[in-house]
Amino acid sequence: MIGYITLGTNNLKKSEFFYDKLFSTIGIKQVFKTEKMIAWGKGFDSTMLAVTIPYNSELATIGNGCMVALKVGDEKTVNLMYEKAIELGGICEGKPGSRGKNFYGAYFRDLDGNKLNIHCS
């Protein structure tokens, strides 16, 4: 069910070095990288851990930049779950859409401010 988990960072280069070295001990490598995010895992079909500069450009703190990502079967389900979250009082952090090759997702905060992603690939 969980596709990936993100942790906030204020220094992507330092985090990249740390996690590259840490995950090399178990044979895990980078599978995704942008100017604001890096993810490690066995591939896009397995659970990944990512570090990111927070979307709101504020300092990363415990929780800011953290997100639970839930993998679902198709774009219709992403859209349905996103609309339901907003209907229930969730706050949009990114409407449903394509975000790179083979990734479709939507982002929202729950009633407590926790950030979640619903995605399919």
PDB file of N, CA and C in Angstrom:
ATOM      1  N   MET A   1       0.804  -1.191   0.000  1.00  0.00           N
ATOM      2  CA  MET A   1       0.000   0.000   0.000  1.00  0.00           C
ATOM      3  C   MET A   1       0.848   1.257   0.000  1.00  0.00           C
ATOM      4  N   ILE A   2       1.922   1.326   0.759  1.00  0.00           N
ATOM      5  CA  ILE A   2       2.754   2.532   0.787  1.00  0.00           C
ATOM      6  C   ILE A   2       3.717   2.490  -0.381  1.00  0.00           C
ATOM      7  N   GLY A   3       3.697   3.547  -1.196  1.00  0.00           N
ATOM      8  CA  GLY A   3       4.578   3.652  -2.344  1.00  0.00           C
ATOM      9  C   GLY A   3       5.927   4.238  -1.974  1.00  0.00           C
ATOM     10  N   TYR A   4       5.894   5.347  -1.203  1.00  0.00           N
ATOM     11  CA  TYR A   4       7.129   5.961  -0.730  1.00  0.00           C
ATOM     12  C   TYR A   4       6.835   6.867   0.445  1.00  0.00           C
ATOM     13  N   ILE A   5       7.867   7.170   1.211  1.00  0.00           N
ATOM     14  CA  ILE A   5       7.781   8.078   2.347  1.00  0.00           C
ATOM     15  C   ILE A   5       8.832   9.157   2.127  1.00  0.00           C
ATOM     16  N   THR A   6       8.470  10.418   2.387  1.00  0.00           N
ATOM     17  CA  THR A   6       9.434  11.498   2.228  1.00  0.00           C
ATOM     18  C   THR A   6       9.789  12.105   3.581  1.00  0.00           C
ATOM     19  N   LEU A   7      11.017  12.568   3.673  1.00  0.00           N
ATOM     20  CA  LEU A   7      11.516  13.279   4.847  1.00  0.00           C
ATOM     21  C   LEU A   7      12.039  14.632   4.377  1.00  0.00           C
ATOM     22  N   GLY A   8      11.767  15.672   5.133  1.00  0.00           N
ATOM     23  CA  GLY A   8      12.227  17.001   4.763  1.00  0.00           C
ATOM     24  C   GLY A   8      13.707  17.183   5.006  1.00  0.00           C
ATOM     25  N   THR A   9      14.315  18.046   4.197  1.00  0.00           N
ATOM     26  CA  THR A   9      15.731  18.371   4.370  1.00  0.00           C
ATOM     27  C   THR A   9      15.960  19.846   4.056  1.00  0.00           C
ATOM     28  N   ASN A  10      16.951  20.423   4.718  1.00  0.00           N
ATOM     29  CA  ASN A  10      17.371  21.787   4.424  1.00  0.00           C
ATOM     30  C   ASN A  10      18.651  21.808   3.598  1.00  0.00           C
ATOM     31  N   ASN A  11      19.232  20.633   3.367  1.00  0.00           N
ATOM     32  CA  ASN A  11      20.455  20.546   2.580  1.00  0.00           C
ATOM     33  C   ASN A  11      20.424  19.242   1.779  1.00  0.00           C
ATOM     34  N   LEU A  12      19.942  19.340   0.547  1.00  0.00           N
ATOM     35  CA  LEU A  12      19.759  18.147  -0.278  1.00  0.00           C
ATOM     36  C   LEU A  12      21.079  17.434  -0.566  1.00  0.00           C
ATOM     37  N   LYS A  13      22.161  18.194  -0.774  1.00  0.00           N
ATOM     38  CA  LYS A  13      23.454  17.562  -1.063  1.00  0.00           C
ATOM     39  C   LYS A  13      23.948  16.713   0.110  1.00  0.00           C
ATOM     40  N   LYS A  14      23.835  17.248   1.314  1.00  0.00           N
ATOM     41  CA  LYS A  14      24.250  16.478   2.498  1.00  0.00           C
ATOM     42  C   LYS A  14      23.380  15.240   2.676  1.00  0.00           C
ATOM     43  N   SER A  15      22.081  15.404   2.475  1.00  0.00           N
ATOM     44  CA  SER A  15      21.182  14.255   2.591  1.00  0.00           C
ATOM     45  C   SER A  15      21.489  13.207   1.538  1.00  0.00           C
ATOM     46  N   GLU A  16      21.780  13.660   0.315  1.00  0.00           N
ATOM     47  CA  GLU A  16      22.121  12.725  -0.755  1.00  0.00           C
ATOM     48  C   GLU A  16      23.350  11.907  -0.375  1.00  0.00           C
ATOM     49  N   PHE A  17      24.371  12.570   0.106  1.00  0.00           N
ATOM     50  CA  PHE A  17      25.594  11.875   0.513  1.00  0.00           C
ATOM     51  C   PHE A  17      25.290  10.855   1.613  1.00  0.00           C
ATOM     52  N   PHE A  18      24.574  11.284   2.645  1.00  0.00           N
ATOM     53  CA  PHE A  18      24.246  10.428   3.777  1.00  0.00           C
ATOM     54  C   PHE A  18      23.486   9.179   3.334  1.00  0.00           C
ATOM     55  N   TYR A  19      22.383   9.383   2.591  1.00  0.00           N
ATOM     56  CA  TYR A  19      21.554   8.237   2.208  1.00  0.00           C
ATOM     57  C   TYR A  19      22.197   7.370   1.131  1.00  0.00           C
ATOM     58  N   ASP A  20      22.968   7.980   0.221  1.00  0.00           N
ATOM     59  CA  ASP A  20      23.716   7.151  -0.737  1.00  0.00           C
ATOM     60  C   ASP A  20      24.619   6.182   0.010  1.00  0.00           C
ATOM     61  N   LYS A  21      25.323   6.706   0.975  1.00  0.00           N
ATOM     62  CA  LYS A  21      26.258   5.871   1.735  1.00  0.00           C
ATOM     63  C   LYS A  21      25.514   4.879   2.623  1.00  0.00           C
ATOM     64  N   LEU A  22      24.499   5.337   3.308  1.00  0.00           N
ATOM     65  CA  LEU A  22      23.745   4.460   4.194  1.00  0.00           C
ATOM     66  C   LEU A  22      23.115   3.304   3.426  1.00  0.00           C
ATOM     67  N   PHE A  23      22.435   3.620   2.319  1.00  0.00           N
ATOM     68  CA  PHE A  23      21.732   2.582   1.572  1.00  0.00           C
ATOM     69  C   PHE A  23      22.660   1.693   0.755  1.00  0.00           C
ATOM     70  N   SER A  24      23.882   2.157   0.499  1.00  0.00           N
ATOM     71  CA  SER A  24      24.822   1.293  -0.228  1.00  0.00           C
ATOM     72  C   SER A  24      25.162   0.050   0.584  1.00  0.00           C
ATOM     73  N   THR A  25      24.980   0.136   1.893  1.00  0.00           N
ATOM     74  CA  THR A  25      25.261  -1.022   2.743  1.00  0.00           C
ATOM     75  C   THR A  25      24.284  -2.164   2.513  1.00  0.00           C
ATOM     76  N   ILE A  26      23.121  -1.852   1.926  1.00  0.00           N
ATOM     77  CA  ILE A  26      22.134  -2.902   1.660  1.00  0.00           C
ATOM     78  C   ILE A  26      21.774  -2.986   0.175  1.00  0.00           C
ATOM     79  N   GLY A  27      22.604  -2.372  -0.663  1.00  0.00           N
ATOM     80  CA  GLY A  27      22.413  -2.488  -2.104  1.00  0.00           C
ATOM     81  C   GLY A  27      21.288  -1.647  -2.693  1.00  0.00           C
ATOM     82  N   ILE A  28      20.857  -0.628  -1.963  1.00  0.00           N
ATOM     83  CA  ILE A  28      19.792   0.253  -2.446  1.00  0.00           C
ATOM     84  C   ILE A  28      20.425   1.479  -3.094  1.00  0.00           C
ATOM     85  N   LYS A  29      19.880   1.880  -4.246  1.00  0.00           N
ATOM     86  CA  LYS A  29      20.416   3.025  -4.991  1.00  0.00           C
ATOM     87  C   LYS A  29      19.324   4.035  -5.281  1.00  0.00           C
ATOM     88  N   GLN A  30      19.750   5.205  -5.748  1.00  0.00           N
ATOM     89  CA  GLN A  30      18.808   6.233  -6.164  1.00  0.00           C
ATOM     90  C   GLN A  30      17.983   5.730  -7.351  1.00  0.00           C
ATOM     91  N   VAL A  31      16.677   5.984  -7.289  1.00  0.00           N
ATOM     92  CA  VAL A  31      15.804   5.614  -8.399  1.00  0.00           C
ATOM     93  C   VAL A  31      15.107   6.825  -8.999  1.00  0.00           C
ATOM     94  N   PHE A  32      15.226   7.978  -8.343  1.00  0.00           N
ATOM     95  CA  PHE A  32      14.552   9.189  -8.806  1.00  0.00           C
ATOM     96  C   PHE A  32      15.284  10.397  -8.245  1.00  0.00           C
ATOM     97  N   LYS A  33      15.483  11.439  -9.074  1.00  0.00           N
ATOM     98  CA  LYS A  33      16.162  12.631  -8.590  1.00  0.00           C
ATOM     99  C   LYS A  33      15.716  13.847  -9.385  1.00  0.00           C
ATOM    100  N   THR A  34      15.359  14.913  -8.647  1.00  0.00           N
ATOM    101  CA  THR A  34      15.084  16.222  -9.246  1.00  0.00           C
ATOM    102  C   THR A  34      15.915  17.238  -8.480  1.00  0.00           C
ATOM    103  N   GLU A  35      15.727  18.504  -8.785  1.00  0.00           N
ATOM    104  CA  GLU A  35      16.470  19.540  -8.070  1.00  0.00           C
ATOM    105  C   GLU A  35      15.997  19.703  -6.631  1.00  0.00           C
ATOM    106  N   LYS A  36      14.831  19.131  -6.278  1.00  0.00           N
ATOM    107  CA  LYS A  36      14.302  19.277  -4.926  1.00  0.00           C
ATOM    108  C   LYS A  36      14.066  17.958  -4.195  1.00  0.00           C
ATOM    109  N   MET A  37      14.225  16.835  -4.880  1.00  0.00           N
ATOM    110  CA  MET A  37      13.917  15.550  -4.248  1.00  0.00           C
ATOM    111  C   MET A  37      14.802  14.433  -4.794  1.00  0.00           C
ATOM    112  N   ILE A  38      15.136  13.500  -3.904  1.00  0.00           N
ATOM    113  CA  ILE A  38      15.860  12.283  -4.290  1.00  0.00           C
ATOM    114  C   ILE A  38      15.178  11.113  -3.593  1.00  0.00           C
ATOM    115  N   ALA A  39      14.976  10.016  -4.329  1.00  0.00           N
ATOM    116  CA  ALA A  39      14.361   8.819  -3.747  1.00  0.00           C
ATOM    117  C   ALA A  39      15.254   7.613  -3.972  1.00  0.00           C
ATOM    118  N   TRP A  40      15.261   6.729  -2.984  1.00  0.00           N
ATOM    119  CA  TRP A  40      16.031   5.500  -3.033  1.00  0.00           C
ATOM    120  C   TRP A  40      15.104   4.303  -2.898  1.00  0.00           C
ATOM    121  N   GLY A  41      15.460   3.221  -3.559  1.00  0.00           N
ATOM    122  CA  GLY A  41      14.696   1.997  -3.445  1.00  0.00           C
ATOM    123  C   GLY A  41      15.227   0.950  -4.400  1.00  0.00           C
ATOM    124  N   LYS A  42      14.491  -0.136  -4.514  1.00  0.00           N
ATOM    125  CA  LYS A  42      14.856  -1.195  -5.452  1.00  0.00           C
ATOM    126  C   LYS A  42      14.317  -0.915  -6.837  1.00  0.00           C
ATOM    127  N   GLY A  43      13.364  -0.012  -6.947  1.00  0.00           N
ATOM    128  CA  GLY A  43      12.734   0.341  -8.208  1.00  0.00           C
ATOM    129  C   GLY A  43      11.376   0.955  -7.934  1.00  0.00           C
ATOM    130  N   PHE A  44      10.698   1.368  -8.999  1.00  0.00           N
ATOM    131  CA  PHE A  44       9.412   2.032  -8.839  1.00  0.00           C
ATOM    132  C   PHE A  44       8.298   1.086  -8.396  1.00  0.00           C
ATOM    133  N   ASP A  45       8.536  -0.203  -8.440  1.00  0.00           N
ATOM    134  CA  ASP A  45       7.531  -1.159  -7.997  1.00  0.00           C
ATOM    135  C   ASP A  45       7.704  -1.567  -6.541  1.00  0.00           C
ATOM    136  N   SER A  46       8.673  -0.945  -5.846  1.00  0.00           N
ATOM    137  CA  SER A  46       8.876  -1.255  -4.435  1.00  0.00           C
ATOM    138  C   SER A  46       8.767   0.030  -3.615  1.00  0.00           C
ATOM    139  N   THR A  47       8.642  -0.125  -2.318  1.00  0.00           N
ATOM    140  CA  THR A  47       8.580   1.033  -1.428  1.00  0.00           C
ATOM    141  C   THR A  47       9.895   1.796  -1.499  1.00  0.00           C
ATOM    142  N   MET A  48       9.785   3.139  -1.489  1.00  0.00           N
ATOM    143  CA  MET A  48      10.971   3.991  -1.562  1.00  0.00           C
ATOM    144  C   MET A  48      10.987   4.977  -0.398  1.00  0.00           C
ATOM    145  N   LEU A  49      12.169   5.474  -0.084  1.00  0.00           N
ATOM    146  CA  LEU A  49      12.345   6.563   0.862  1.00  0.00           C
ATOM    147  C   LEU A  49      12.919   7.741   0.088  1.00  0.00           C
ATOM    148  N   ALA A  50      12.363   8.920   0.317  1.00  0.00           N
ATOM    149  CA  ALA A  50      12.834  10.116  -0.382  1.00  0.00           C
ATOM    150  C   ALA A  50      13.138  11.216   0.618  1.00  0.00           C
ATOM    151  N   VAL A  51      14.049  12.103   0.242  1.00  0.00           N
ATOM    152  CA  VAL A  51      14.278  13.344   0.974  1.00  0.00           C
ATOM    153  C   VAL A  51      13.922  14.481   0.027  1.00  0.00           C
ATOM    154  N   THR A  52      13.356  15.540   0.601  1.00  0.00           N
ATOM    155  CA  THR A  52      12.895  16.638  -0.224  1.00  0.00           C
ATOM    156  C   THR A  52      13.014  17.976   0.477  1.00  0.00           C
ATOM    157  N   ILE A  53      13.230  18.995  -0.299  1.00  0.00           N
ATOM    158  CA  ILE A  53      13.098  20.360   0.191  1.00  0.00           C
ATOM    159  C   ILE A  53      11.596  20.619   0.247  1.00  0.00           C
ATOM    160  N   PRO A  54      11.051  21.097   1.373  1.00  0.00           N
ATOM    161  CA  PRO A  54       9.606  21.249   1.494  1.00  0.00           C
ATOM    162  C   PRO A  54       8.973  22.065   0.365  1.00  0.00           C
ATOM    163  N   TYR A  55       7.804  21.614  -0.066  1.00  0.00           N
ATOM    164  CA  TYR A  55       7.041  22.235  -1.151  1.00  0.00           C
ATOM    165  C   TYR A  55       6.760  23.710  -0.873  1.00  0.00           C
ATOM    166  N   ASN A  56       6.503  24.064   0.399  1.00  0.00           N
ATOM    167  CA  ASN A  56       6.153  25.444   0.734  1.00  0.00           C
ATOM    168  C   ASN A  56       7.372  26.350   0.899  1.00  0.00           C
ATOM    169  N   SER A  57       8.562  25.839   0.624  1.00  0.00           N
ATOM    170  CA  SER A  57       9.829  26.578   0.681  1.00  0.00           C
ATOM    171  C   SER A  57      10.208  27.054   2.079  1.00  0.00           C
ATOM    172  N   GLU A  58       9.508  26.597   3.101  1.00  0.00           N
ATOM    173  CA  GLU A  58       9.890  26.919   4.468  1.00  0.00           C
ATOM    174  C   GLU A  58      10.908  25.895   4.948  1.00  0.00           C
ATOM    175  N   LEU A  59      11.533  26.162   6.101  1.00  0.00           N
ATOM    176  CA  LEU A  59      12.527  25.238   6.630  1.00  0.00           C
ATOM    177  C   LEU A  59      11.927  23.869   6.898  1.00  0.00           C
ATOM    178  N   ALA A  60      12.696  22.862   6.597  1.00  0.00           N
ATOM    179  CA  ALA A  60      12.279  21.503   6.940  1.00  0.00           C
ATOM    180  C   ALA A  60      12.421  21.335   8.441  1.00  0.00           C
ATOM    181  N   THR A  61      11.391  20.830   9.054  1.00  0.00           N
ATOM    182  CA  THR A  61      11.405  20.503  10.471  1.00  0.00           C
ATOM    183  C   THR A  61      10.822  19.099  10.577  1.00  0.00           C
ATOM    184  N   ILE A  62      10.787  18.567  11.740  1.00  0.00           N
ATOM    185  CA  ILE A  62      10.160  17.264  11.882  1.00  0.00           C
ATOM    186  C   ILE A  62       8.709  17.428  11.459  1.00  0.00           C
ATOM    187  N   GLY A  63       8.351  16.790  10.414  1.00  0.00           N
ATOM    188  CA  GLY A  63       6.995  16.890   9.882  1.00  0.00           C
ATOM    189  C   GLY A  63       6.905  17.729   8.629  1.00  0.00           C
ATOM    190  N   ASN A  64       7.635  18.845   8.523  1.00  0.00           N
ATOM    191  CA  ASN A  64       7.557  19.674   7.317  1.00  0.00           C
ATOM    192  C   ASN A  64       8.452  19.065   6.257  1.00  0.00           C
ATOM    193  N   GLY A  65       7.834  18.578   5.222  1.00  0.00           N
ATOM    194  CA  GLY A  65       8.561  17.848   4.194  1.00  0.00           C
ATOM    195  C   GLY A  65       8.270  16.359   4.272  1.00  0.00           C
ATOM    196  N   CYS A  66       7.676  15.914   5.382  1.00  0.00           N
ATOM    197  CA  CYS A  66       7.312  14.511   5.533  1.00  0.00           C
ATOM    198  C   CYS A  66       5.957  14.255   4.888  1.00  0.00           C
ATOM    199  N   MET A  67       5.794  13.089   4.317  1.00  0.00           N
ATOM    200  CA  MET A  67       4.556  12.767   3.634  1.00  0.00           C
ATOM    201  C   MET A  67       4.414  11.259   3.544  1.00  0.00           C
ATOM    202  N   VAL A  68       3.196  10.799   3.658  1.00  0.00           N
ATOM    203  CA  VAL A  68       2.889   9.398   3.414  1.00  0.00           C
ATOM    204  C   VAL A  68       2.298   9.309   2.020  1.00  0.00           C
ATOM    205  N   ALA A  69       2.857   8.446   1.189  1.00  0.00           N
ATOM    206  CA  ALA A  69       2.394   8.267  -0.184  1.00  0.00           C
ATOM    207  C   ALA A  69       1.738   6.904  -0.311  1.00  0.00           C
ATOM    208  N   LEU A  70       0.510   6.913  -0.795  1.00  0.00           N
ATOM    209  CA  LEU A  70      -0.254   5.677  -0.915  1.00  0.00           C
ATOM    210  C   LEU A  70      -0.416   5.318  -2.378  1.00  0.00           C
ATOM    211  N   LYS A  71       0.032   4.140  -2.747  1.00  0.00           N
ATOM    212  CA  LYS A  71      -0.036   3.682  -4.130  1.00  0.00           C
ATOM    213  C   LYS A  71      -1.373   3.002  -4.387  1.00  0.00           C
ATOM    214  N   VAL A  72      -2.022   3.410  -5.488  1.00  0.00           N
ATOM    215  CA  VAL A  72      -3.300   2.831  -5.892  1.00  0.00           C
ATOM    216  C   VAL A  72      -3.178   2.326  -7.324  1.00  0.00           C
ATOM    217  N   GLY A  73      -4.252   1.713  -7.828  1.00  0.00           N
ATOM    218  CA  GLY A  73      -4.171   1.024  -9.106  1.00  0.00           C
ATOM    219  C   GLY A  73      -4.229   1.859 -10.361  1.00  0.00           C
ATOM    220  N   ASP A  74      -4.911   3.023 -10.327  1.00  0.00           N
ATOM    221  CA  ASP A  74      -5.074   3.770 -11.577  1.00  0.00           C
ATOM    222  C   ASP A  74      -5.392   5.240 -11.318  1.00  0.00           C
ATOM    223  N   GLU A  75      -5.370   6.034 -12.396  1.00  0.00           N
ATOM    224  CA  GLU A  75      -5.612   7.475 -12.302  1.00  0.00           C
ATOM    225  C   GLU A  75      -7.018   7.784 -11.787  1.00  0.00           C
ATOM    226  N   LYS A  76      -7.986   6.992 -12.168  1.00  0.00           N
ATOM    227  CA  LYS A  76      -9.358   7.204 -11.706  1.00  0.00           C
ATOM    228  C   LYS A  76      -9.429   7.138 -10.180  1.00  0.00           C
ATOM    229  N   THR A  77      -8.713   6.191  -9.597  1.00  0.00           N
ATOM    230  CA  THR A  77      -8.698   6.053  -8.138  1.00  0.00           C
ATOM    231  C   THR A  77      -7.968   7.212  -7.486  1.00  0.00           C
ATOM    232  N   VAL A  78      -6.873   7.678  -8.097  1.00  0.00           N
ATOM    233  CA  VAL A  78      -6.170   8.864  -7.583  1.00  0.00           C
ATOM    234  C   VAL A  78      -7.143  10.037  -7.529  1.00  0.00           C
ATOM    235  N   ASN A  79      -7.827  10.289  -8.638  1.00  0.00           N
ATOM    236  CA  ASN A  79      -8.759  11.407  -8.720  1.00  0.00           C
ATOM    237  C   ASN A  79      -9.876  11.271  -7.692  1.00  0.00           C
ATOM    238  N   LEU A  80     -10.434  10.076  -7.577  1.00  0.00           N
ATOM    239  CA  LEU A  80     -11.532   9.817  -6.650  1.00  0.00           C
ATOM    240  C   LEU A  80     -11.116  10.075  -5.205  1.00  0.00           C
ATOM    241  N   MET A  81      -9.963   9.553  -4.821  1.00  0.00           N
ATOM    242  CA  MET A  81      -9.496   9.724  -3.445  1.00  0.00           C
ATOM    243  C   MET A  81      -9.143  11.173  -3.147  1.00  0.00           C
ATOM    244  N   TYR A  82      -8.522  11.865  -4.108  1.00  0.00           N
ATOM    245  CA  TYR A  82      -8.195  13.280  -3.931  1.00  0.00           C
ATOM    246  C   TYR A  82      -9.478  14.096  -3.721  1.00  0.00           C
ATOM    247  N   GLU A  83     -10.452  13.892  -4.583  1.00  0.00           N
ATOM    248  CA  GLU A  83     -11.714  14.637  -4.468  1.00  0.00           C
ATOM    249  C   GLU A  83     -12.391  14.359  -3.131  1.00  0.00           C
ATOM    250  N   LYS A  84     -12.348  13.119  -2.679  1.00  0.00           N
ATOM    251  CA  LYS A  84     -12.942  12.763  -1.391  1.00  0.00           C
ATOM    252  C   LYS A  84     -12.209  13.465  -0.247  1.00  0.00           C
ATOM    253  N   ALA A  85     -10.885  13.502  -0.306  1.00  0.00           N
ATOM    254  CA  ALA A  85     -10.108  14.171   0.745  1.00  0.00           C
ATOM    255  C   ALA A  85     -10.471  15.651   0.831  1.00  0.00           C
ATOM    256  N   ILE A  86     -10.578  16.310  -0.316  1.00  0.00           N
ATOM    257  CA  ILE A  86     -10.930  17.728  -0.338  1.00  0.00           C
ATOM    258  C   ILE A  86     -12.362  17.913   0.169  1.00  0.00           C
ATOM    259  N   GLU A  87     -13.244  17.044  -0.258  1.00  0.00           N
ATOM    260  CA  GLU A  87     -14.648  17.093   0.186  1.00  0.00           C
ATOM    261  C   GLU A  87     -14.751  16.981   1.710  1.00  0.00           C
ATOM    262  N   LEU A  88     -13.887  16.188   2.302  1.00  0.00           N
ATOM    263  CA  LEU A  88     -13.912  15.964   3.747  1.00  0.00           C
ATOM    264  C   LEU A  88     -13.176  17.043   4.547  1.00  0.00           C
ATOM    265  N   GLY A  89     -12.688  18.074   3.862  1.00  0.00           N
ATOM    266  CA  GLY A  89     -12.013  19.167   4.555  1.00  0.00           C
ATOM    267  C   GLY A  89     -10.514  19.191   4.410  1.00  0.00           C
ATOM    268  N   GLY A  90      -9.970  18.277   3.610  1.00  0.00           N
ATOM    269  CA  GLY A  90      -8.534  18.291   3.339  1.00  0.00           C
ATOM    270  C   GLY A  90      -8.145  19.534   2.540  1.00  0.00           C
ATOM    271  N   ILE A  91      -6.873  19.884   2.582  1.00  0.00           N
ATOM    272  CA  ILE A  91      -6.357  21.064   1.887  1.00  0.00           C
ATOM    273  C   ILE A  91      -5.473  20.620   0.733  1.00  0.00           C
ATOM    274  N   CYS A  92      -5.714  21.174  -0.439  1.00  0.00           N
ATOM    275  CA  CYS A  92      -4.946  20.825  -1.635  1.00  0.00           C
ATOM    276  C   CYS A  92      -3.487  21.230  -1.491  1.00  0.00           C
ATOM    277  N   GLU A  93      -2.599  20.305  -1.831  1.00  0.00           N
ATOM    278  CA  GLU A  93      -1.158  20.570  -1.920  1.00  0.00           C
ATOM    279  C   GLU A  93      -0.646  20.264  -3.324  1.00  0.00           C
ATOM    280  N   GLY A  94      -1.549  19.922  -4.228  1.00  0.00           N
ATOM    281  CA  GLY A  94      -1.193  19.613  -5.612  1.00  0.00           C
ATOM    282  C   GLY A  94      -2.284  18.767  -6.243  1.00  0.00           C
ATOM    283  N   LYS A  95      -3.000  19.353  -7.189  1.00  0.00           N
ATOM    284  CA  LYS A  95      -4.112  18.652  -7.843  1.00  0.00           C
ATOM    285  C   LYS A  95      -3.612  17.434  -8.618  1.00  0.00           C
ATOM    286  N   PRO A  96      -4.519  16.497  -8.903  1.00  0.00           N
ATOM    287  CA  PRO A  96      -4.122  15.307  -9.651  1.00  0.00           C
ATOM    288  C   PRO A  96      -3.517  15.651 -11.010  1.00  0.00           C
ATOM    289  N   GLY A  97      -2.476  14.924 -11.362  1.00  0.00           N
ATOM    290  CA  GLY A  97      -1.850  15.114 -12.659  1.00  0.00           C
ATOM    291  C   GLY A  97      -0.589  14.297 -12.806  1.00  0.00           C
ATOM    292  N   SER A  98      -0.061  14.328 -14.019  1.00  0.00           N
ATOM    293  CA  SER A  98       1.169  13.623 -14.336  1.00  0.00           C
ATOM    294  C   SER A  98       2.348  14.394 -13.772  1.00  0.00           C
ATOM    295  N   ARG A  99       3.244  13.677 -13.134  1.00  0.00           N
ATOM    296  CA  ARG A  99       4.443  14.285 -12.564  1.00  0.00           C
ATOM    297  C   ARG A  99       5.638  13.423 -12.930  1.00  0.00           C
ATOM    298  N   GLY A 100       6.037  13.531 -14.161  1.00  0.00           N
ATOM    299  CA  GLY A 100       7.157  12.735 -14.631  1.00  0.00           C
ATOM    300  C   GLY A 100       6.692  11.473 -15.321  1.00  0.00           C
ATOM    301  N   LYS A 101       7.652  10.774 -15.857  1.00  0.00           N
ATOM    302  CA  LYS A 101       7.379   9.554 -16.601  1.00  0.00           C
ATOM    303  C   LYS A 101       6.767   8.491 -15.692  1.00  0.00           C
ATOM    304  N   ASN A 102       5.630   7.970 -16.110  1.00  0.00           N
ATOM    305  CA  ASN A 102       4.970   6.867 -15.404  1.00  0.00           C
ATOM    306  C   ASN A 102       4.580   7.180 -13.966  1.00  0.00           C
ATOM    307  N   PHE A 103       4.228   8.439 -13.681  1.00  0.00           N
ATOM    308  CA  PHE A 103       3.791   8.798 -12.329  1.00  0.00           C
ATOM    309  C   PHE A 103       2.633   9.767 -12.431  1.00  0.00           C
ATOM    310  N   TYR A 104       1.526   9.415 -11.811  1.00  0.00           N
ATOM    311  CA  TYR A 104       0.344  10.259 -11.758  1.00  0.00           C
ATOM    312  C   TYR A 104      -0.034  10.357 -10.288  1.00  0.00           C
ATOM    313  N   GLY A 105      -0.191  11.587  -9.781  1.00  0.00           N
ATOM    314  CA  GLY A 105      -0.468  11.710  -8.364  1.00  0.00           C
ATOM    315  C   GLY A 105      -1.187  12.980  -7.984  1.00  0.00           C
ATOM    316  N   ALA A 106      -1.623  13.024  -6.747  1.00  0.00           N
ATOM    317  CA  ALA A 106      -2.271  14.182  -6.140  1.00  0.00           C
ATOM    318  C   ALA A 106      -1.798  14.283  -4.696  1.00  0.00           C
ATOM    319  N   TYR A 107      -1.818  15.516  -4.176  1.00  0.00           N
ATOM    320  CA  TYR A 107      -1.293  15.769  -2.841  1.00  0.00           C
ATOM    321  C   TYR A 107      -2.309  16.570  -2.033  1.00  0.00           C
ATOM    322  N   PHE A 108      -2.400  16.250  -0.733  1.00  0.00           N
ATOM    323  CA  PHE A 108      -3.303  16.986   0.135  1.00  0.00           C
ATOM    324  C   PHE A 108      -2.845  16.856   1.585  1.00  0.00           C
ATOM    325  N   ARG A 109      -3.360  17.734   2.419  1.00  0.00           N
ATOM    326  CA  ARG A 109      -3.145  17.641   3.866  1.00  0.00           C
ATOM    327  C   ARG A 109      -4.447  17.209   4.515  1.00  0.00           C
ATOM    328  N   ASP A 110      -4.315  16.357   5.520  1.00  0.00           N
ATOM    329  CA  ASP A 110      -5.505  15.911   6.235  1.00  0.00           C
ATOM    330  C   ASP A 110      -5.943  16.984   7.224  1.00  0.00           C
ATOM    331  N   LEU A 111      -6.888  16.675   8.058  1.00  0.00           N
ATOM    332  CA  LEU A 111      -7.444  17.656   8.986  1.00  0.00           C
ATOM    333  C   LEU A 111      -6.450  18.114  10.042  1.00  0.00           C
ATOM    334  N   ASP A 112      -5.411  17.327  10.275  1.00  0.00           N
ATOM    335  CA  ASP A 112      -4.374  17.704  11.237  1.00  0.00           C
ATOM    336  C   ASP A 112      -3.167  18.350  10.573  1.00  0.00           C
ATOM    337  N   GLY A 113      -3.214  18.489   9.265  1.00  0.00           N
ATOM    338  CA  GLY A 113      -2.086  19.082   8.559  1.00  0.00           C
ATOM    339  C   GLY A 113      -1.070  18.098   8.043  1.00  0.00           C
ATOM    340  N   ASN A 114      -1.281  16.799   8.236  1.00  0.00           N
ATOM    341  CA  ASN A 114      -0.365  15.791   7.719  1.00  0.00           C
ATOM    342  C   ASN A 114      -0.486  15.722   6.206  1.00  0.00           C
ATOM    343  N   LYS A 115       0.641  15.658   5.513  1.00  0.00           N
ATOM    344  CA  LYS A 115       0.634  15.629   4.055  1.00  0.00           C
ATOM    345  C   LYS A 115       0.591  14.186   3.549  1.00  0.00           C
ATOM    346  N   LEU A 116      -0.297  13.969   2.585  1.00  0.00           N
ATOM    347  CA  LEU A 116      -0.429  12.659   1.959  1.00  0.00           C
ATOM    348  C   LEU A 116      -0.407  12.802   0.453  1.00  0.00           C
ATOM    349  N   ASN A 117      -0.017  11.738  -0.199  1.00  0.00           N
ATOM    350  CA  ASN A 117      -0.004  11.638  -1.657  1.00  0.00           C
ATOM    351  C   ASN A 117      -0.732  10.364  -2.019  1.00  0.00           C
ATOM    352  N   ILE A 118      -1.528  10.443  -3.080  1.00  0.00           N
ATOM    353  CA  ILE A 118      -2.139   9.266  -3.671  1.00  0.00           C
ATOM    354  C   ILE A 118      -1.563   9.179  -5.076  1.00  0.00           C
ATOM    355  N   HIS A 119      -1.032   8.036  -5.464  1.00  0.00           N
ATOM    356  CA  HIS A 119      -0.399   7.958  -6.782  1.00  0.00           C
ATOM    357  C   HIS A 119      -0.526   6.574  -7.418  1.00  0.00           C
ATOM    358  N   CYS A 120      -0.293   6.547  -8.706  1.00  0.00           N
ATOM    359  CA  CYS A 120      -0.191   5.294  -9.450  1.00  0.00           C
ATOM    360  C   CYS A 120       0.917   5.458 -10.477  1.00  0.00           C
ATOM    361  N   SER A 121       1.409   4.349 -10.973  1.00  0.00           N
ATOM    362  CA  SER A 121       2.471   4.420 -11.977  1.00  0.00           C
ATOM    363  C   SER A 121       2.191   3.436 -13.081  1.00  0.00           C
TER     364      SER A 121
END
